[in-house]
Amino acid sequence: MNAKWLSGVAHGSRNAMIRTVFDSGVLIAGAKGIPAERAKALDMLRNPGRQFPTSPFLHLEVVPKAVFNKNRLEERFFEIYFRNAE
């Protein structure tokens, strides 16, 4: 892999989006983590130069527990994330 691919700039395009894949830990930190971790996750999520590919497996890792525990705020956070992710 070359440095351009790793940075998300494919084929020399300067306007390419950076594809950022989050794992469940980052999403949980963004939803309810300690303030320093939460701030880092939210900063990345707010970056308009990033795309967030995801999978149904990630959804299954985080959403059911929020639903089971009736944590509506966390559930809403995940809902918004997955609606806007690829």
C-alpha atoms as a PDB file:
ATOM      1  CA  MET A   1       0.000   0.000   0.000  1.00  0.00           C
ATOM      2  CA  ASN A   2       1.249   3.454  -0.753  1.00  0.00           C
ATOM      3  CA  ALA A   3       0.973   6.604   1.344  1.00  0.00           C
ATOM      4  CA  LYS A   4      -1.623   8.193  -0.952  1.00  0.00           C
ATOM      5  CA  TRP A   5      -3.969   5.249  -0.538  1.00  0.00           C
ATOM      6  CA  LEU A   6      -3.520   5.236   3.225  1.00  0.00           C
ATOM      7  CA  SER A   7      -4.329   8.920   3.498  1.00  0.00           C
ATOM      8  CA  GLY A   8      -7.509   8.442   1.489  1.00  0.00           C
ATOM      9  CA  VAL A   9      -6.313  10.408  -1.515  1.00  0.00           C
ATOM     10  CA  ALA A  10      -6.694   7.965  -4.363  1.00  0.00           C
ATOM     11  CA  HIS A  11      -5.111   8.450  -7.770  1.00  0.00           C
ATOM     12  CA  GLY A  12      -3.679  11.867  -6.898  1.00  0.00           C
ATOM     13  CA  SER A  13      -7.071  13.536  -6.450  1.00  0.00           C
ATOM     14  CA  ARG A  14      -6.834  16.373  -3.939  1.00  0.00           C
ATOM     15  CA  ASN A  15     -10.594  16.434  -3.320  1.00  0.00           C
ATOM     16  CA  ALA A  16     -11.026  12.761  -2.427  1.00  0.00           C
ATOM     17  CA  MET A  17     -12.750  11.968   0.836  1.00  0.00           C
ATOM     18  CA  ILE A  18     -10.859  10.165   3.579  1.00  0.00           C
ATOM     19  CA  ARG A  19     -12.554   6.831   4.254  1.00  0.00           C
ATOM     20  CA  THR A  20     -12.482   6.210   7.992  1.00  0.00           C
ATOM     21  CA  VAL A  21     -13.606   2.857   9.390  1.00  0.00           C
ATOM     22  CA  PHE A  22     -14.613   2.976  13.045  1.00  0.00           C
ATOM     23  CA  ASP A  23     -14.768  -0.041  15.286  1.00  0.00           C
ATOM     24  CA  SER A  24     -17.357  -0.403  18.025  1.00  0.00           C
ATOM     25  CA  GLY A  25     -15.039   1.062  20.651  1.00  0.00           C
ATOM     26  CA  VAL A  26     -14.782   4.392  18.856  1.00  0.00           C
ATOM     27  CA  LEU A  27     -18.550   4.589  18.391  1.00  0.00           C
ATOM     28  CA  ILE A  28     -19.185   3.750  22.033  1.00  0.00           C
ATOM     29  CA  ALA A  29     -16.632   6.378  23.082  1.00  0.00           C
ATOM     30  CA  GLY A  30     -18.429   8.908  20.872  1.00  0.00           C
ATOM     31  CA  ALA A  31     -21.765   8.029  22.407  1.00  0.00           C
ATOM     32  CA  LYS A  32     -20.833   7.801  26.072  1.00  0.00           C
ATOM     33  CA  GLY A  33     -17.070   7.747  26.565  1.00  0.00           C
ATOM     34  CA  ILE A  34     -14.989   9.755  28.960  1.00  0.00           C
ATOM     35  CA  PRO A  35     -14.827  13.392  27.814  1.00  0.00           C
ATOM     36  CA  ALA A  36     -11.344  13.272  26.219  1.00  0.00           C
ATOM     37  CA  GLU A  37     -12.097  10.124  24.200  1.00  0.00           C
ATOM     38  CA  ARG A  38     -15.570  11.346  23.318  1.00  0.00           C
ATOM     39  CA  ALA A  39     -14.184  14.651  22.021  1.00  0.00           C
ATOM     40  CA  LYS A  40     -11.689  12.864  19.742  1.00  0.00           C
ATOM     41  CA  ALA A  41     -14.382  10.596  18.286  1.00  0.00           C
ATOM     42  CA  LEU A  42     -16.811  13.471  17.751  1.00  0.00           C
ATOM     43  CA  ASP A  43     -14.121  15.625  16.105  1.00  0.00           C
ATOM     44  CA  MET A  44     -13.547  12.907  13.530  1.00  0.00           C
ATOM     45  CA  LEU A  45     -17.281  12.449  12.983  1.00  0.00           C
ATOM     46  CA  ARG A  46     -17.749  16.173  12.378  1.00  0.00           C
ATOM     47  CA  ASN A  47     -14.984  16.300   9.760  1.00  0.00           C
ATOM     48  CA  PRO A  48     -16.683  16.995   6.401  1.00  0.00           C
ATOM     49  CA  GLY A  49     -13.692  15.524   4.548  1.00  0.00           C
ATOM     50  CA  ARG A  50     -14.381  12.006   5.830  1.00  0.00           C
ATOM     51  CA  GLN A  51     -16.639   9.172   4.729  1.00  0.00           C
ATOM     52  CA  PHE A  52     -17.589   6.407   7.144  1.00  0.00           C
ATOM     53  CA  PRO A  53     -17.974   2.959   5.609  1.00  0.00           C
ATOM     54  CA  THR A  54     -19.731   0.510   7.900  1.00  0.00           C
ATOM     55  CA  SER A  55     -21.243  -2.952   8.001  1.00  0.00           C
ATOM     56  CA  PRO A  56     -24.259  -4.675   9.508  1.00  0.00           C
ATOM     57  CA  PHE A  57     -21.876  -6.381  11.928  1.00  0.00           C
ATOM     58  CA  LEU A  58     -20.858  -3.068  13.479  1.00  0.00           C
ATOM     59  CA  HIS A  59     -24.529  -2.181  13.837  1.00  0.00           C
ATOM     60  CA  LEU A  60     -25.159  -5.483  15.613  1.00  0.00           C
ATOM     61  CA  GLU A  61     -22.251  -4.823  17.952  1.00  0.00           C
ATOM     62  CA  VAL A  62     -23.497  -1.517  19.327  1.00  0.00           C
ATOM     63  CA  VAL A  63     -27.219  -0.947  18.752  1.00  0.00           C
ATOM     64  CA  PRO A  64     -28.849  -3.914  20.557  1.00  0.00           C
ATOM     65  CA  LYS A  65     -27.241  -3.070  23.909  1.00  0.00           C
ATOM     66  CA  ALA A  66     -28.399   0.550  23.734  1.00  0.00           C
ATOM     67  CA  VAL A  67     -31.920  -0.629  22.878  1.00  0.00           C
ATOM     68  CA  PHE A  68     -31.940  -3.283  25.620  1.00  0.00           C
ATOM     69  CA  ASN A  69     -30.767  -0.774  28.240  1.00  0.00           C
ATOM     70  CA  LYS A  70     -33.318   1.790  26.993  1.00  0.00           C
ATOM     71  CA  ASN A  71     -30.573   4.354  26.538  1.00  0.00           C
ATOM     72  CA  ARG A  72     -32.425   6.601  24.095  1.00  0.00           C
ATOM     73  CA  LEU A  73     -29.620   9.135  23.711  1.00  0.00           C
ATOM     74  CA  GLU A  74     -27.069   6.465  22.831  1.00  0.00           C
ATOM     75  CA  GLU A  75     -29.584   4.765  20.541  1.00  0.00           C
ATOM     76  CA  ARG A  76     -30.202   8.082  18.748  1.00  0.00           C
ATOM     77  CA  PHE A  77     -26.439   8.655  18.389  1.00  0.00           C
ATOM     78  CA  PHE A  78     -26.033   5.278  16.671  1.00  0.00           C
ATOM     79  CA  GLU A  79     -29.123   5.871  14.514  1.00  0.00           C
ATOM     80  CA  ILE A  80     -27.684   9.126  13.192  1.00  0.00           C
ATOM     81  CA  TYR A  81     -24.256   7.575  12.645  1.00  0.00           C
ATOM     82  CA  PHE A  82     -25.562   4.606  10.644  1.00  0.00           C
ATOM     83  CA  ARG A  83     -27.958   6.770   8.632  1.00  0.00           C
ATOM     84  CA  ASN A  84     -25.040   8.932   7.496  1.00  0.00           C
ATOM     85  CA  ALA A  85     -22.461   6.156   7.083  1.00  0.00           C
ATOM     86  CA  GLU A  86     -21.988   4.244   3.845  1.00  0.00           C
END
